[in-house]
Amino acid sequence: MVSPDTQTGDSRRRHTRTILVVDDSRTSLHVIGGRLGAMGYMVVLAQSGREALDLISGRGFDLVLLDMVMPGMSGLEALAEIRTAPDTADLPVIMITALNDTDGAVAALAAGADDHIAKPFDFGVLQARIERTLERAGRIAELKRTVASLDARIAARAIELGETRSELAVTRADCARLQGSIDARAGRVVPLNGTSVA
C-alpha cells in the first residue's frame, strides 16, 4: 500500500510535468487531456503538427504525445522537425499509432520516437509509458550534464597544462642562460699557478 506522503510526493512530481498532446480529433484530445490532467500532469492540446511545432518553439514541454496520422503535417513529419532542431532534439516523444499498424510503429521508432502506443489504449498503460519515458529522459539529461561538467574540467586542465608548459619553457631558458653565464665566468678564472683554465 502506498502511504499518503508518497502519493503526495508523486502527485507533486507529476504536477511539474507538462505534456503536449497532439491529435487532429477534438474528441480524442479532450478525452486524453482530461485523463492526463486527472493523473496530475499539466496538459496542453494541439490539433495539428504545425500548431504543435509552434507551441514547442514558444515554451518548454517535458513530453509530447503525438498522433501519427494527421492531415497536413503528419506525426512523422512533425517528429522529424522536432529531432532536427537543436533545442528539441532530445525532447521525449511518444507516438500514437493505429492498433494494427506495426509498420507505423516501426517507422515511428526509426524516426526517433522514444516509444509508441496503439489506439485504443489503456490509460494505466499510457501513464506507465509516460513515466518510464520521463525517467529515462531524466537519466539521459543528468548524464549529459555530467559529461558537460567533465568536458569543462578537462578543458580547464588542458589550459592549466599549457600554462605550466609555457612556464617550464621559460624556466628552462632562464636555466640555460644562467648556466651559460656560469660557464663563461668559469672560463675566465685564472688559477694561482697562472695557467688559464679553458
Protein backbone atom coordinates (compact mmCIF):
# COMPACT_ATOMS: atom_id res chain seq x y z
CA MET A 1 0.00 0.00 0.00
CA VAL A 2 1.29 3.46 -0.87
CA SER A 3 1.48 5.90 2.01
CA PRO A 4 -0.31 9.26 1.76
CA ASP A 5 3.08 11.03 1.90
CA THR A 6 4.31 9.05 -1.11
CA GLN A 7 1.12 9.79 -3.02
CA THR A 8 1.51 13.49 -2.29
CA GLY A 9 5.16 13.39 -3.43
CA ASP A 10 4.24 11.54 -6.63
CA SER A 11 1.39 13.94 -7.29
CA ARG A 12 3.64 16.96 -6.79
CA ARG A 13 6.26 15.47 -9.10
CA ARG A 14 3.70 14.88 -11.85
CA HIS A 15 2.27 18.39 -11.45
CA THR A 16 5.59 19.75 -12.63
CA ARG A 17 5.42 17.67 -15.83
CA THR A 18 3.92 19.41 -18.84
CA ILE A 19 2.71 17.21 -21.68
CA LEU A 20 1.76 18.39 -25.16
CA VAL A 21 -0.95 16.19 -26.69
CA VAL A 22 -1.24 16.41 -30.49
CA ASP A 23 -4.23 14.86 -32.30
CA ASP A 24 -6.46 16.09 -35.11
CA SER A 25 -9.53 14.63 -33.37
CA ARG A 26 -11.01 17.16 -30.95
CA THR A 27 -12.79 14.33 -29.10
CA SER A 28 -9.56 12.36 -28.62
CA LEU A 29 -7.77 15.49 -27.48
CA HIS A 30 -10.29 16.25 -24.78
CA VAL A 31 -10.50 12.65 -23.57
CA ILE A 32 -6.72 12.24 -23.39
CA GLY A 33 -6.23 15.72 -21.94
CA GLY A 34 -8.85 15.14 -19.27
CA ARG A 35 -7.43 11.79 -18.21
CA LEU A 36 -3.84 13.03 -18.10
CA GLY A 37 -4.95 16.10 -16.18
CA ALA A 38 -6.67 13.84 -13.63
CA MET A 39 -3.37 11.95 -13.27
CA GLY A 40 -1.69 15.19 -12.20
CA TYR A 41 0.04 16.29 -15.39
CA MET A 42 -0.15 19.77 -16.88
CA VAL A 43 -1.62 19.27 -20.36
CA VAL A 44 -1.54 21.47 -23.47
CA LEU A 45 -3.56 20.45 -26.54
CA ALA A 46 -2.78 20.90 -30.24
CA GLN A 47 -4.84 19.81 -33.27
CA SER A 48 -2.08 19.72 -35.88
CA GLY A 49 1.61 19.08 -36.32
CA ARG A 50 2.26 22.69 -37.29
CA GLU A 51 0.42 24.01 -34.23
CA ALA A 52 2.43 21.61 -32.08
CA LEU A 53 5.73 22.88 -33.51
CA ASP A 54 4.68 26.47 -32.88
CA LEU A 55 3.83 25.64 -29.27
CA ILE A 56 7.08 23.72 -28.77
CA SER A 57 9.14 26.64 -30.08
CA GLY A 58 7.36 29.01 -27.71
CA ARG A 59 7.63 27.06 -24.46
CA GLY A 60 9.19 24.01 -22.88
CA PHE A 61 7.45 20.66 -22.59
CA ASP A 62 8.54 17.57 -20.69
CA LEU A 63 6.97 15.18 -23.20
CA VAL A 64 4.96 15.15 -26.44
CA LEU A 65 2.19 12.63 -27.11
CA LEU A 66 1.96 12.77 -30.90
CA ASP A 67 -0.66 11.19 -33.17
CA MET A 68 0.99 9.63 -36.20
CA VAL A 69 -1.76 10.12 -38.79
CA MET A 70 -2.96 13.72 -39.18
CA PRO A 71 -3.94 15.81 -42.20
CA GLY A 72 -1.48 18.41 -43.43
CA MET A 73 1.64 17.65 -41.43
CA SER A 74 1.77 14.03 -40.27
CA GLY A 75 3.11 12.98 -36.90
CA LEU A 76 6.25 11.60 -38.55
CA GLU A 77 6.91 14.93 -40.28
CA ALA A 78 6.42 16.82 -37.01
CA LEU A 79 8.72 14.34 -35.25
CA ALA A 80 11.40 14.86 -37.92
CA GLU A 81 11.32 18.63 -37.30
CA ILE A 82 11.46 18.10 -33.53
CA ARG A 83 14.51 15.85 -33.88
CA THR A 84 16.40 18.16 -36.27
CA ALA A 85 16.03 21.29 -34.11
CA PRO A 86 18.94 21.54 -31.62
CA ASP A 87 16.71 22.80 -28.79
CA THR A 88 14.24 19.90 -29.08
CA ALA A 89 16.41 17.06 -30.40
CA ASP A 90 16.15 15.24 -27.05
CA LEU A 91 12.51 16.13 -26.28
CA PRO A 92 10.74 12.88 -25.27
CA VAL A 93 8.08 11.89 -27.82
CA ILE A 94 5.58 9.04 -27.59
CA MET A 95 3.86 8.33 -30.91
CA ILE A 96 0.21 7.28 -31.04
CA THR A 97 -0.33 4.67 -33.76
CA ALA A 98 -3.27 2.61 -35.02
CA LEU A 99 -3.83 -0.72 -33.28
CA ASN A 100 -2.73 -2.94 -36.19
CA ASP A 101 -0.20 -0.57 -37.74
CA THR A 102 3.02 -2.42 -36.92
CA ASP A 103 4.79 -0.77 -39.87
CA GLY A 104 3.78 2.62 -38.47
CA ALA A 105 5.16 1.71 -35.05
CA VAL A 106 8.47 0.63 -36.62
CA ALA A 107 8.59 3.84 -38.69
CA ALA A 108 7.89 5.95 -35.59
CA LEU A 109 10.71 4.34 -33.63
CA ALA A 110 13.07 4.57 -36.62
CA ALA A 111 12.25 8.29 -36.94
CA GLY A 112 13.30 8.88 -33.34
CA ALA A 113 10.18 8.37 -31.22
CA ASP A 114 11.05 7.30 -27.68
CA ASP A 115 8.06 4.95 -27.54
CA HIS A 116 4.70 4.32 -29.17
CA ILE A 117 1.25 3.29 -28.02
CA ALA A 118 -1.62 1.98 -30.13
CA LYS A 119 -5.20 3.28 -30.11
CA PRO A 120 -7.39 2.48 -28.32
CA PHE A 121 -5.10 2.35 -25.30
CA ASP A 122 -5.49 1.72 -21.60
CA PHE A 123 -4.69 4.89 -19.66
CA GLY A 124 -2.84 2.91 -17.00
CA VAL A 125 -0.50 1.60 -19.69
CA LEU A 126 -0.14 5.10 -21.14
CA GLN A 127 0.77 6.50 -17.74
CA ALA A 128 3.37 3.76 -17.21
CA ARG A 129 4.91 4.50 -20.62
CA ILE A 130 4.94 8.24 -19.91
CA GLU A 131 6.64 7.75 -16.55
CA ARG A 132 9.21 5.34 -17.98
CA THR A 133 9.99 7.73 -20.84
CA LEU A 134 10.30 10.71 -18.50
CA GLU A 135 12.57 8.79 -16.12
CA ARG A 136 14.81 7.68 -19.00
CA ALA A 137 14.93 11.26 -20.33
CA GLY A 138 15.88 12.47 -16.85
CA ARG A 139 18.75 9.98 -16.65
CA ILE A 140 20.00 11.00 -20.09
CA ALA A 141 19.82 14.69 -19.16
CA GLU A 142 21.76 14.02 -15.96
CA LEU A 143 24.37 12.04 -17.91
CA LYS A 144 24.73 14.93 -20.39
CA ARG A 145 25.19 17.39 -17.52
CA THR A 146 27.90 15.13 -16.06
CA VAL A 147 29.65 14.84 -19.43
CA ALA A 148 29.48 18.62 -19.91
CA SER A 149 30.96 19.13 -16.44
CA LEU A 150 33.76 16.66 -17.19
CA ASP A 151 34.42 18.35 -20.54
CA ALA A 152 34.70 21.70 -18.78
CA ARG A 153 37.12 20.25 -16.22
CA ILE A 154 39.21 18.65 -18.97
CA ALA A 155 39.33 21.95 -20.86
CA ALA A 156 40.40 23.78 -17.69
CA ARG A 157 43.10 21.17 -17.05
CA ALA A 158 44.32 21.49 -20.64
CA ILE A 159 44.63 25.26 -20.21
CA GLU A 160 46.49 24.77 -16.92
CA LEU A 161 48.80 22.24 -18.58
CA GLY A 162 49.51 24.65 -21.44
CA GLU A 163 50.32 27.42 -18.97
CA THR A 164 52.57 25.07 -16.99
CA ARG A 165 54.41 24.03 -20.16
CA SER A 166 54.96 27.70 -21.05
CA GLU A 167 56.29 28.43 -17.56
CA LEU A 168 58.55 25.38 -17.78
CA ALA A 169 59.92 26.52 -21.15
CA VAL A 170 60.68 29.97 -19.67
CA THR A 171 62.35 28.38 -16.65
CA ARG A 172 64.47 26.11 -18.87
CA ALA A 173 65.53 29.10 -20.97
CA ASP A 174 66.48 31.01 -17.80
CA CYS A 175 68.46 28.00 -16.56
CA ALA A 176 70.26 27.70 -19.88
CA ARG A 177 71.18 31.41 -19.79
CA LEU A 178 72.35 31.11 -16.17
CA GLN A 179 74.42 28.03 -16.98
CA GLY A 180 75.93 29.85 -19.96
CA SER A 181 76.82 32.78 -17.75
CA ILE A 182 78.41 30.47 -15.14
CA ASP A 183 80.36 28.63 -17.84
CA ALA A 184 81.59 31.92 -19.33
CA ARG A 185 82.80 33.19 -15.95
CA ALA A 186 84.43 29.87 -15.13
CA GLY A 187 86.38 30.04 -18.41
CA ARG A 188 87.98 33.38 -17.45
CA VAL A 189 89.11 32.29 -13.99
CA VAL A 190 92.94 32.17 -13.63
CA PRO A 191 94.20 29.63 -11.05
CA LEU A 192 97.02 30.53 -8.62
CA ASN A 193 99.62 28.71 -10.74
CA GLY A 194 98.91 31.20 -13.54
CA THR A 195 97.58 28.65 -16.02
CA SER A 196 94.36 29.70 -17.65
CA VAL A 197 91.50 27.19 -17.47
CA ALA A 198 89.71 26.68 -20.82
